Amino acid sequence: MIPGSTGPETQRCSAFLHRSYSSLRLLFLRFLHRILRISLPMAPSHSTP
C-alpha cells in the first residue's frame, strides 16, 4: 500500500519496537520478581536451613 513501507522507516520502527519490548519485558520481570518476593516471604526453599 505505502510506497516506502520497505524503506528505512520500517527498520527504524522495528528497532524502536524491539527496544521498547525489551525494556518492557525487563520491567515486567522485575515487577513479577518483587510481587513473588512479597507474596511468598515464608517460602519453604527460604525457610529451610
N, C-alpha and C. Protein backbone atom coordinates (compact mmCIF):
# COMPACT_ATOMS: atom_id res chain seq x y z
N MET A 1 0.84 -1.19 0.00
CA MET A 1 0.00 0.00 0.00
C MET A 1 0.89 1.25 0.00
N ILE A 2 1.72 1.38 1.04
CA ILE A 2 2.59 2.55 1.14
C ILE A 2 3.87 2.30 0.33
N PRO A 3 4.28 3.26 -0.50
CA PRO A 3 5.47 3.07 -1.36
C PRO A 3 6.75 2.88 -0.55
N GLY A 4 6.88 3.52 0.60
CA GLY A 4 8.12 3.44 1.37
C GLY A 4 8.00 2.52 2.57
N SER A 5 7.16 1.47 2.43
CA SER A 5 6.95 0.57 3.56
C SER A 5 8.17 -0.33 3.78
N THR A 6 8.99 -0.47 2.75
CA THR A 6 10.17 -1.33 2.88
C THR A 6 11.44 -0.50 3.03
N GLY A 7 11.27 0.80 3.28
CA GLY A 7 12.42 1.69 3.41
C GLY A 7 12.98 1.69 4.83
N PRO A 8 13.82 2.65 5.14
CA PRO A 8 14.45 2.74 6.46
C PRO A 8 13.45 3.07 7.56
N GLU A 9 12.27 3.59 7.17
CA GLU A 9 11.26 3.92 8.18
C GLU A 9 10.80 2.66 8.92
N THR A 10 10.59 1.58 8.15
CA THR A 10 10.14 0.33 8.76
C THR A 10 11.22 -0.25 9.66
N GLN A 11 12.47 -0.16 9.23
CA GLN A 11 13.57 -0.69 10.04
C GLN A 11 13.69 0.10 11.34
N ARG A 12 13.53 1.42 11.25
CA ARG A 12 13.63 2.23 12.46
C ARG A 12 12.47 1.93 13.40
N CYS A 13 11.30 1.71 12.84
CA CYS A 13 10.13 1.40 13.66
C CYS A 13 10.30 0.04 14.33
N SER A 14 10.81 -0.94 13.59
CA SER A 14 11.02 -2.26 14.16
C SER A 14 12.08 -2.22 15.25
N ALA A 15 13.12 -1.41 15.04
CA ALA A 15 14.17 -1.29 16.06
C ALA A 15 13.61 -0.64 17.32
N PHE A 16 12.76 0.37 17.13
CA PHE A 16 12.14 1.04 18.28
C PHE A 16 11.22 0.08 19.03
N LEU A 17 10.45 -0.71 18.29
CA LEU A 17 9.56 -1.67 18.92
C LEU A 17 10.35 -2.73 19.68
N HIS A 18 11.47 -3.18 19.09
CA HIS A 18 12.28 -4.19 19.75
C HIS A 18 12.88 -3.65 21.03
N ARG A 19 13.36 -2.40 20.98
CA ARG A 19 13.97 -1.80 22.17
C ARG A 19 12.92 -1.59 23.26
N SER A 20 11.74 -1.10 22.88
CA SER A 20 10.69 -0.85 23.86
C SER A 20 10.19 -2.19 24.43
N TYR A 21 10.14 -3.23 23.59
CA TYR A 21 9.69 -4.54 24.06
C TYR A 21 10.67 -5.11 25.07
N SER A 22 11.97 -4.97 24.81
CA SER A 22 12.98 -5.49 25.74
C SER A 22 12.92 -4.75 27.06
N SER A 23 12.72 -3.44 27.02
CA SER A 23 12.65 -2.66 28.26
C SER A 23 11.39 -3.00 29.04
N LEU A 24 10.27 -3.18 28.32
CA LEU A 24 9.03 -3.54 29.00
C LEU A 24 9.13 -4.93 29.62
N ARG A 25 9.81 -5.84 28.90
CA ARG A 25 9.98 -7.19 29.44
C ARG A 25 10.82 -7.17 30.71
N LEU A 26 11.87 -6.33 30.72
CA LEU A 26 12.72 -6.22 31.90
C LEU A 26 11.93 -5.66 33.08
N LEU A 27 11.12 -4.63 32.81
CA LEU A 27 10.31 -4.05 33.87
C LEU A 27 9.28 -5.05 34.39
N PHE A 28 8.70 -5.82 33.48
CA PHE A 28 7.70 -6.81 33.89
C PHE A 28 8.33 -7.90 34.75
N LEU A 29 9.53 -8.37 34.36
CA LEU A 29 10.21 -9.40 35.14
C LEU A 29 10.58 -8.88 36.52
N ARG A 30 11.03 -7.63 36.58
CA ARG A 30 11.40 -7.05 37.87
C ARG A 30 10.16 -6.91 38.76
N PHE A 31 9.04 -6.47 38.16
CA PHE A 31 7.80 -6.32 38.90
C PHE A 31 7.30 -7.68 39.39
N LEU A 32 7.38 -8.69 38.53
CA LEU A 32 6.93 -10.03 38.90
C LEU A 32 7.79 -10.59 40.02
N HIS A 33 9.10 -10.35 39.95
CA HIS A 33 10.00 -10.84 41.00
C HIS A 33 9.68 -10.18 42.33
N ARG A 34 9.36 -8.88 42.29
CA ARG A 34 9.02 -8.18 43.52
C ARG A 34 7.72 -8.70 44.10
N ILE A 35 6.75 -8.95 43.23
CA ILE A 35 5.45 -9.47 43.70
C ILE A 35 5.63 -10.85 44.34
N LEU A 36 6.43 -11.71 43.71
CA LEU A 36 6.64 -13.05 44.26
C LEU A 36 7.38 -12.98 45.58
N ARG A 37 8.34 -12.07 45.68
CA ARG A 37 9.13 -11.96 46.91
C ARG A 37 8.26 -11.43 48.05
N ILE A 38 7.28 -10.58 47.72
CA ILE A 38 6.41 -10.02 48.76
C ILE A 38 5.33 -11.03 49.16
N SER A 39 4.78 -11.72 48.18
CA SER A 39 3.67 -12.62 48.46
C SER A 39 4.14 -13.96 49.04
N LEU A 40 5.43 -14.27 48.86
CA LEU A 40 5.95 -15.55 49.37
C LEU A 40 7.15 -15.31 50.29
N PRO A 41 6.91 -14.65 51.44
CA PRO A 41 8.03 -14.39 52.36
C PRO A 41 8.42 -15.64 53.15
N MET A 42 7.47 -16.56 53.28
CA MET A 42 7.74 -17.77 54.07
C MET A 42 7.82 -18.99 53.16
N ALA A 43 8.52 -18.86 52.06
CA ALA A 43 8.65 -19.98 51.13
C ALA A 43 9.51 -21.07 51.76
N PRO A 44 9.17 -22.35 51.53
CA PRO A 44 9.92 -23.47 52.12
C PRO A 44 11.39 -23.45 51.69
N SER A 45 11.67 -22.99 50.47
CA SER A 45 13.04 -23.01 49.98
C SER A 45 13.90 -21.99 50.72
N HIS A 46 13.24 -20.94 51.30
CA HIS A 46 13.99 -19.92 52.01
C HIS A 46 14.04 -20.22 53.51
N SER A 47 13.04 -20.94 54.03
CA SER A 47 12.96 -21.18 55.48
C SER A 47 13.77 -22.39 55.88
N THR A 48 14.17 -23.22 54.91
CA THR A 48 14.96 -24.41 55.25
C THR A 48 16.40 -24.01 55.53
N PRO A 49 16.98 -24.53 56.61
CA PRO A 49 18.36 -24.18 56.98
C PRO A 49 19.38 -24.86 56.08
